[in-house]
Amino acid sequence: MVEKLTSGESMAKREIHGLSDEDAEIIDSLDEIEREIRMTNKKNRLKGMRIYLAGPIDHAKDDGVGWRNELKKFIKKKGAFALDPCDKPISYAAYGEVGTEKTKMLELKKMGRFFELSEQMKKIAHVDLRMTDVSDCVVVYLNPNITMFGTIHELINSLQQRKPTLVVIEGGKKNAPNWLFGIMDYNFMFDSFDELEEFLTLDDEASFDPDLTRWVFFDL
């Protein structure tokens, strides 16, 4: 790529490259566009990332759909992809776990049809855990007032794979289980989704502490 021709060196370089004034202006414009694209991509570090959204479903009033739908709007704006267990990127209905599918499983439990329930949940757990495996980052919503098992499993799975794991806690960090402080960096715990989104904006590289080694970005 030809370097941008500044006023101090334009004559010499134009002679070397054999460029007309018009050609030089075109190249200057293209170089400027390329620089802007590089800067945009550099600032938007989330672009192209796959982000899994872990959180309670069984005992959540809205099946855990509400907060996920809101966060997905932000994720889409950042050019990233949300992996949502409430809206799985797979067409096979047997993997569903919200709405009518959730109601069916509750009925199976009430009727004591545990084998059928087990077979259904094996499929769901397999797909959800696979989504954590293929994700680049996991966002976890923890509500200490709601019973949750799958969420904790996914949280531990993500931490063991040393993925960036970001946890939003209902009631804030002061309401987090003590154990959580022993297994993950409290800098990745957030009091609200607004605080999480502010962190994920990543507009300024200087805002990133280099000691937070689970966030390693490559300039590709």
C-alpha atoms as a PDB file:
ATOM      1  CA  MET A   1       0.000   0.000   0.000  1.00  0.00           C
ATOM      2  CA  VAL A   2       1.306   3.455  -0.924  1.00  0.00           C
ATOM      3  CA  GLU A   3       1.780   5.711   2.090  1.00  0.00           C
ATOM      4  CA  LYS A   4      -0.354   8.801   2.460  1.00  0.00           C
ATOM      5  CA  LEU A   5       1.447  11.683   0.778  1.00  0.00           C
ATOM      6  CA  THR A   6       1.895  14.544   3.178  1.00  0.00           C
ATOM      7  CA  SER A   7       2.569  18.092   2.042  1.00  0.00           C
ATOM      8  CA  GLY A   8       6.257  17.933   3.072  1.00  0.00           C
ATOM      9  CA  GLU A   9       7.082  14.891   1.019  1.00  0.00           C
ATOM     10  CA  SER A  10       4.359  14.820  -1.633  1.00  0.00           C
ATOM     11  CA  MET A  11       6.490  16.070  -4.554  1.00  0.00           C
ATOM     12  CA  ALA A  12       9.293  13.565  -4.061  1.00  0.00           C
ATOM     13  CA  LYS A  13       7.004  10.588  -3.508  1.00  0.00           C
ATOM     14  CA  ARG A  14       4.730  11.472  -6.376  1.00  0.00           C
ATOM     15  CA  GLU A  15       7.756  11.541  -8.661  1.00  0.00           C
ATOM     16  CA  ILE A  16       9.000   8.194  -7.309  1.00  0.00           C
ATOM     17  CA  HIS A  17       5.627   6.484  -7.746  1.00  0.00           C
ATOM     18  CA  GLY A  18       4.794   8.285 -10.953  1.00  0.00           C
ATOM     19  CA  LEU A  19       1.450   9.474  -9.605  1.00  0.00           C
ATOM     20  CA  SER A  20      -0.643  12.267 -10.951  1.00  0.00           C
ATOM     21  CA  ASP A  21      -2.212  14.691  -8.490  1.00  0.00           C
ATOM     22  CA  GLU A  22      -5.588  13.052  -9.095  1.00  0.00           C
ATOM     23  CA  ASP A  23      -4.234   9.530  -8.465  1.00  0.00           C
ATOM     24  CA  ALA A  24      -2.485  10.697  -5.308  1.00  0.00           C
ATOM     25  CA  GLU A  25      -5.710  12.199  -3.961  1.00  0.00           C
ATOM     26  CA  ILE A  26      -7.592   8.954  -4.637  1.00  0.00           C
ATOM     27  CA  ILE A  27      -4.922   6.912  -2.834  1.00  0.00           C
ATOM     28  CA  ASP A  28      -4.944   9.357   0.070  1.00  0.00           C
ATOM     29  CA  SER A  29      -8.720   8.968   0.362  1.00  0.00           C
ATOM     30  CA  LEU A  30      -8.513   5.157   0.249  1.00  0.00           C
ATOM     31  CA  ASP A  31      -5.768   5.151   2.870  1.00  0.00           C
ATOM     32  CA  GLU A  32      -7.890   7.329   5.139  1.00  0.00           C
ATOM     33  CA  ILE A  33     -10.886   5.003   4.764  1.00  0.00           C
ATOM     34  CA  GLU A  34      -8.680   2.001   5.535  1.00  0.00           C
ATOM     35  CA  ARG A  35      -7.354   3.683   8.681  1.00  0.00           C
ATOM     36  CA  GLU A  36     -10.883   4.495   9.849  1.00  0.00           C
ATOM     37  CA  ILE A  37     -11.968   0.881   9.325  1.00  0.00           C
ATOM     38  CA  ARG A  38      -8.961  -0.374  11.295  1.00  0.00           C
ATOM     39  CA  MET A  39      -9.708   2.024  14.143  1.00  0.00           C
ATOM     40  CA  THR A  40     -13.380   1.019  14.180  1.00  0.00           C
ATOM     41  CA  ASN A  41     -12.522  -2.661  14.335  1.00  0.00           C
ATOM     42  CA  LYS A  42      -9.901  -2.002  16.976  1.00  0.00           C
ATOM     43  CA  LYS A  43     -12.377  -0.215  19.199  1.00  0.00           C
ATOM     44  CA  ASN A  44     -15.145  -2.765  18.691  1.00  0.00           C
ATOM     45  CA  ARG A  45     -13.385  -5.766  20.134  1.00  0.00           C
ATOM     46  CA  LEU A  46     -16.615  -7.783  20.416  1.00  0.00           C
ATOM     47  CA  LYS A  47     -17.243  -7.917  16.688  1.00  0.00           C
ATOM     48  CA  GLY A  48     -17.780 -11.497  15.535  1.00  0.00           C
ATOM     49  CA  MET A  49     -17.674 -12.976  19.035  1.00  0.00           C
ATOM     50  CA  ARG A  50     -20.153 -15.644  20.185  1.00  0.00           C
ATOM     51  CA  ILE A  51     -21.610 -14.827  23.594  1.00  0.00           C
ATOM     52  CA  TYR A  52     -23.560 -17.433  25.559  1.00  0.00           C
ATOM     53  CA  LEU A  53     -26.307 -16.152  27.873  1.00  0.00           C
ATOM     54  CA  ALA A  54     -26.575 -18.280  31.021  1.00  0.00           C
ATOM     55  CA  GLY A  55     -29.256 -17.746  33.636  1.00  0.00           C
ATOM     56  CA  PRO A  56     -32.236 -19.355  35.376  1.00  0.00           C
ATOM     57  CA  ILE A  57     -35.096 -20.704  33.267  1.00  0.00           C
ATOM     58  CA  ASP A  58     -36.994 -23.310  35.322  1.00  0.00           C
ATOM     59  CA  HIS A  59     -37.949 -20.965  38.165  1.00  0.00           C
ATOM     60  CA  ALA A  60     -37.820 -17.638  36.333  1.00  0.00           C
ATOM     61  CA  LYS A  61     -41.209 -15.926  35.966  1.00  0.00           C
ATOM     62  CA  ASP A  62     -40.691 -15.158  32.286  1.00  0.00           C
ATOM     63  CA  ASP A  63     -38.598 -18.269  31.603  1.00  0.00           C
ATOM     64  CA  GLY A  64     -35.546 -16.006  31.604  1.00  0.00           C
ATOM     65  CA  VAL A  65     -36.523 -14.535  28.242  1.00  0.00           C
ATOM     66  CA  GLY A  66     -36.780 -10.844  29.219  1.00  0.00           C
ATOM     67  CA  TRP A  67     -33.207  -9.969  30.163  1.00  0.00           C
ATOM     68  CA  ARG A  68     -31.823 -12.096  27.356  1.00  0.00           C
ATOM     69  CA  ASN A  69     -33.880 -10.295  24.704  1.00  0.00           C
ATOM     70  CA  GLU A  70     -32.750  -6.910  26.014  1.00  0.00           C
ATOM     71  CA  LEU A  71     -29.070  -7.874  26.118  1.00  0.00           C
ATOM     72  CA  LYS A  72     -29.279  -9.402  22.643  1.00  0.00           C
ATOM     73  CA  LYS A  73     -30.141  -5.970  21.236  1.00  0.00           C
ATOM     74  CA  PHE A  74     -26.853  -4.623  22.611  1.00  0.00           C
ATOM     75  CA  ILE A  75     -24.898  -7.660  21.430  1.00  0.00           C
ATOM     76  CA  LYS A  76     -26.291  -7.301  17.913  1.00  0.00           C
ATOM     77  CA  LYS A  77     -25.282  -3.628  17.789  1.00  0.00           C
ATOM     78  CA  LYS A  78     -21.726  -4.656  18.651  1.00  0.00           C
ATOM     79  CA  GLY A  79     -21.630  -7.053  15.705  1.00  0.00           C
ATOM     80  CA  ALA A  80     -21.462 -10.093  17.999  1.00  0.00           C
ATOM     81  CA  PHE A  81     -23.680 -13.175  18.125  1.00  0.00           C
ATOM     82  CA  ALA A  82     -25.800 -14.247  21.096  1.00  0.00           C
ATOM     83  CA  LEU A  83     -26.178 -17.935  21.932  1.00  0.00           C
ATOM     84  CA  ASP A  84     -29.493 -18.044  23.777  1.00  0.00           C
ATOM     85  CA  PRO A  85     -30.770 -21.260  25.430  1.00  0.00           C
ATOM     86  CA  CYS A  86     -34.299 -19.801  25.316  1.00  0.00           C
ATOM     87  CA  ASP A  87     -34.033 -19.353  21.556  1.00  0.00           C
ATOM     88  CA  LYS A  88     -31.544 -21.943  20.449  1.00  0.00           C
ATOM     89  CA  PRO A  89     -29.939 -21.606  17.001  1.00  0.00           C
ATOM     90  CA  ILE A  90     -31.272 -25.047  16.112  1.00  0.00           C
ATOM     91  CA  SER A  91     -34.633 -25.998  14.620  1.00  0.00           C
ATOM     92  CA  TYR A  92     -35.182 -29.358  16.351  1.00  0.00           C
ATOM     93  CA  ALA A  93     -38.127 -28.793  18.739  1.00  0.00           C
ATOM     94  CA  ALA A  94     -36.954 -31.472  21.187  1.00  0.00           C
ATOM     95  CA  TYR A  95     -34.262 -29.091  22.413  1.00  0.00           C
ATOM     96  CA  GLY A  96     -36.782 -26.454  23.552  1.00  0.00           C
ATOM     97  CA  GLU A  97     -37.060 -25.622  27.249  1.00  0.00           C
ATOM     98  CA  VAL A  98     -39.357 -22.596  27.500  1.00  0.00           C
ATOM     99  CA  GLY A  99     -43.078 -21.986  26.971  1.00  0.00           C
ATOM    100  CA  THR A 100     -45.049 -25.104  26.086  1.00  0.00           C
ATOM    101  CA  GLU A 101     -41.949 -27.311  26.257  1.00  0.00           C
ATOM    102  CA  LYS A 102     -41.312 -26.188  29.828  1.00  0.00           C
ATOM    103  CA  THR A 103     -44.968 -26.875  30.706  1.00  0.00           C
ATOM    104  CA  LYS A 104     -44.718 -30.391  29.260  1.00  0.00           C
ATOM    105  CA  MET A 105     -41.663 -31.149  31.379  1.00  0.00           C
ATOM    106  CA  LEU A 106     -43.410 -29.894  34.520  1.00  0.00           C
ATOM    107  CA  GLU A 107     -46.300 -32.241  33.754  1.00  0.00           C
ATOM    108  CA  LEU A 108     -43.932 -35.177  33.283  1.00  0.00           C
ATOM    109  CA  LYS A 109     -42.463 -34.428  36.704  1.00  0.00           C
ATOM    110  CA  LYS A 110     -45.890 -34.193  38.368  1.00  0.00           C
ATOM    111  CA  MET A 111     -46.941 -37.519  36.839  1.00  0.00           C
ATOM    112  CA  GLY A 112     -43.723 -39.199  37.950  1.00  0.00           C
ATOM    113  CA  ARG A 113     -42.678 -39.941  34.375  1.00  0.00           C
ATOM    114  CA  PHE A 114     -39.068 -39.394  35.258  1.00  0.00           C
ATOM    115  CA  PHE A 115     -37.549 -41.530  32.517  1.00  0.00           C
ATOM    116  CA  GLU A 116     -39.180 -39.371  29.823  1.00  0.00           C
ATOM    117  CA  LEU A 117     -38.169 -36.208  31.671  1.00  0.00           C
ATOM    118  CA  SER A 118     -34.602 -37.470  31.965  1.00  0.00           C
ATOM    119  CA  GLU A 119     -34.384 -38.273  28.256  1.00  0.00           C
ATOM    120  CA  GLN A 120     -35.673 -34.805  27.394  1.00  0.00           C
ATOM    121  CA  MET A 121     -33.324 -32.986  29.749  1.00  0.00           C
ATOM    122  CA  LYS A 122     -30.292 -34.930  28.527  1.00  0.00           C
ATOM    123  CA  LYS A 123     -30.865 -33.438  25.068  1.00  0.00           C
ATOM    124  CA  ILE A 124     -31.345 -29.935  26.438  1.00  0.00           C
ATOM    125  CA  ALA A 125     -28.319 -30.101  28.734  1.00  0.00           C
ATOM    126  CA  HIS A 126     -26.188 -31.450  25.890  1.00  0.00           C
ATOM    127  CA  VAL A 127     -27.086 -28.567  23.572  1.00  0.00           C
ATOM    128  CA  ASP A 128     -26.800 -25.831  26.215  1.00  0.00           C
ATOM    129  CA  LEU A 129     -23.429 -27.053  27.459  1.00  0.00           C
ATOM    130  CA  ARG A 130     -22.252 -27.374  23.865  1.00  0.00           C
ATOM    131  CA  MET A 131     -23.149 -23.721  23.332  1.00  0.00           C
ATOM    132  CA  THR A 132     -20.958 -22.781  26.292  1.00  0.00           C
ATOM    133  CA  ASP A 133     -18.168 -24.858  24.738  1.00  0.00           C
ATOM    134  CA  VAL A 134     -18.257 -23.047  21.395  1.00  0.00           C
ATOM    135  CA  SER A 135     -18.768 -19.570  22.847  1.00  0.00           C
ATOM    136  CA  ASP A 136     -15.994 -16.981  23.074  1.00  0.00           C
ATOM    137  CA  CYS A 137     -17.487 -15.399  26.178  1.00  0.00           C
ATOM    138  CA  VAL A 138     -20.205 -16.264  28.703  1.00  0.00           C
ATOM    139  CA  VAL A 139     -22.551 -13.794  30.363  1.00  0.00           C
ATOM    140  CA  VAL A 140     -24.200 -15.175  33.494  1.00  0.00           C
ATOM    141  CA  TYR A 141     -27.208 -13.737  35.311  1.00  0.00           C
ATOM    142  CA  LEU A 142     -27.255 -14.863  38.935  1.00  0.00           C
ATOM    143  CA  ASN A 143     -30.276 -14.273  41.140  1.00  0.00           C
ATOM    144  CA  PRO A 144     -29.592 -15.697  44.618  1.00  0.00           C
ATOM    145  CA  ASN A 145     -33.350 -15.705  45.251  1.00  0.00           C
ATOM    146  CA  ILE A 146     -34.018 -18.175  42.427  1.00  0.00           C
ATOM    147  CA  THR A 147     -33.098 -21.857  42.534  1.00  0.00           C
ATOM    148  CA  MET A 148     -30.755 -22.624  39.643  1.00  0.00           C
ATOM    149  CA  PHE A 149     -28.618 -25.633  38.764  1.00  0.00           C
ATOM    150  CA  GLY A 150     -28.019 -25.438  35.030  1.00  0.00           C
ATOM    151  CA  THR A 151     -26.754 -21.866  35.375  1.00  0.00           C
ATOM    152  CA  ILE A 152     -24.182 -22.868  37.997  1.00  0.00           C
ATOM    153  CA  HIS A 153     -23.094 -25.818  35.847  1.00  0.00           C
ATOM    154  CA  GLU A 154     -22.589 -23.505  32.861  1.00  0.00           C
ATOM    155  CA  LEU A 155     -20.752 -20.940  35.003  1.00  0.00           C
ATOM    156  CA  ILE A 156     -18.316 -23.561  36.301  1.00  0.00           C
ATOM    157  CA  ASN A 157     -17.925 -25.038  32.823  1.00  0.00           C
ATOM    158  CA  SER A 158     -16.974 -21.628  31.452  1.00  0.00           C
ATOM    159  CA  LEU A 159     -14.507 -20.871  34.248  1.00  0.00           C
ATOM    160  CA  GLN A 160     -12.836 -24.262  33.892  1.00  0.00           C
ATOM    161  CA  GLN A 161     -12.335 -23.586  30.195  1.00  0.00           C
ATOM    162  CA  ARG A 162     -10.820 -20.214  31.116  1.00  0.00           C
ATOM    163  CA  LYS A 163     -13.327 -18.302  29.029  1.00  0.00           C
ATOM    164  CA  PRO A 164     -14.099 -14.653  29.796  1.00  0.00           C
ATOM    165  CA  THR A 165     -17.005 -15.111  32.218  1.00  0.00           C
ATOM    166  CA  LEU A 166     -19.026 -12.032  33.153  1.00  0.00           C
ATOM    167  CA  VAL A 167     -21.564 -12.308  35.962  1.00  0.00           C
ATOM    168  CA  VAL A 168     -24.440  -9.917  36.615  1.00  0.00           C
ATOM    169  CA  ILE A 169     -25.756 -10.388  40.138  1.00  0.00           C
ATOM    170  CA  GLU A 170     -29.248  -9.433  41.238  1.00  0.00           C
ATOM    171  CA  GLY A 171     -28.725  -7.109  44.183  1.00  0.00           C
ATOM    172  CA  GLY A 172     -25.100  -6.444  43.222  1.00  0.00           C
ATOM    173  CA  LYS A 173     -21.777  -7.917  44.274  1.00  0.00           C
ATOM    174  CA  LYS A 174     -22.686  -7.468  47.944  1.00  0.00           C
ATOM    175  CA  ASN A 175     -25.415 -10.050  47.387  1.00  0.00           C
ATOM    176  CA  ALA A 176     -23.144 -12.561  45.653  1.00  0.00           C
ATOM    177  CA  PRO A 177     -22.380 -15.947  47.247  1.00  0.00           C
ATOM    178  CA  ASN A 178     -19.051 -15.829  49.091  1.00  0.00           C
ATOM    179  CA  TRP A 179     -17.846 -18.872  47.140  1.00  0.00           C
ATOM    180  CA  LEU A 180     -18.010 -16.905  43.901  1.00  0.00           C
ATOM    181  CA  PHE A 181     -15.235 -14.565  45.092  1.00  0.00           C
ATOM    182  CA  GLY A 182     -12.983 -17.576  45.560  1.00  0.00           C
ATOM    183  CA  ILE A 183     -13.357 -18.973  42.054  1.00  0.00           C
ATOM    184  CA  MET A 184     -13.415 -15.881  39.822  1.00  0.00           C
ATOM    185  CA  ASP A 185     -12.140 -12.311  39.580  1.00  0.00           C
ATOM    186  CA  TYR A 186     -14.570  -9.882  41.226  1.00  0.00           C
ATOM    187  CA  ASN A 187     -13.736  -7.375  38.451  1.00  0.00           C
ATOM    188  CA  PHE A 188     -15.922  -9.545  36.235  1.00  0.00           C
ATOM    189  CA  MET A 189     -18.925  -9.269  38.557  1.00  0.00           C
ATOM    190  CA  PHE A 190     -21.467  -6.546  37.825  1.00  0.00           C
ATOM    191  CA  ASP A 191     -24.252  -4.888  39.787  1.00  0.00           C
ATOM    192  CA  SER A 192     -26.464  -4.379  36.732  1.00  0.00           C
ATOM    193  CA  PHE A 193     -26.753  -5.021  33.010  1.00  0.00           C
ATOM    194  CA  ASP A 194     -26.058  -1.331  32.396  1.00  0.00           C
ATOM    195  CA  GLU A 195     -22.718  -1.738  34.139  1.00  0.00           C
ATOM    196  CA  LEU A 196     -22.008  -4.861  32.091  1.00  0.00           C
ATOM    197  CA  GLU A 197     -22.784  -3.078  28.815  1.00  0.00           C
ATOM    198  CA  GLU A 198     -20.519  -0.199  29.791  1.00  0.00           C
ATOM    199  CA  PHE A 199     -17.711  -2.697  30.372  1.00  0.00           C
ATOM    200  CA  LEU A 200     -18.384  -4.440  27.061  1.00  0.00           C
ATOM    201  CA  THR A 201     -18.263  -1.226  25.089  1.00  0.00           C
ATOM    202  CA  LEU A 202     -14.454  -1.435  25.129  1.00  0.00           C
ATOM    203  CA  ASP A 203     -14.010   1.853  23.287  1.00  0.00           C
ATOM    204  CA  ASP A 204     -10.762   2.628  25.057  1.00  0.00           C
ATOM    205  CA  GLU A 205      -7.994   0.016  25.158  1.00  0.00           C
ATOM    206  CA  ALA A 206      -6.563   1.752  28.218  1.00  0.00           C
ATOM    207  CA  SER A 207      -9.701   0.783  30.131  1.00  0.00           C
ATOM    208  CA  PHE A 208      -8.501  -2.809  30.049  1.00  0.00           C
ATOM    209  CA  ASP A 209      -6.230  -3.973  32.848  1.00  0.00           C
ATOM    210  CA  PRO A 210      -3.532  -6.180  31.258  1.00  0.00           C
ATOM    211  CA  ASP A 211      -3.584  -8.388  34.356  1.00  0.00           C
ATOM    212  CA  LEU A 212      -7.098  -9.572  33.452  1.00  0.00           C
ATOM    213  CA  THR A 213      -5.531 -12.286  31.342  1.00  0.00           C
ATOM    214  CA  ARG A 214      -8.708 -14.041  30.263  1.00  0.00           C
ATOM    215  CA  TRP A 215      -9.298 -11.183  27.857  1.00  0.00           C
ATOM    216  CA  VAL A 216      -6.658 -11.617  25.183  1.00  0.00           C
ATOM    217  CA  PHE A 217      -7.430  -9.919  21.876  1.00  0.00           C
ATOM    218  CA  PHE A 218      -5.450 -10.557  18.719  1.00  0.00           C
ATOM    219  CA  ASP A 219      -5.132  -7.932  15.997  1.00  0.00           C
ATOM    220  CA  LEU A 220      -6.116 -10.127  13.056  1.00  0.00           C
END
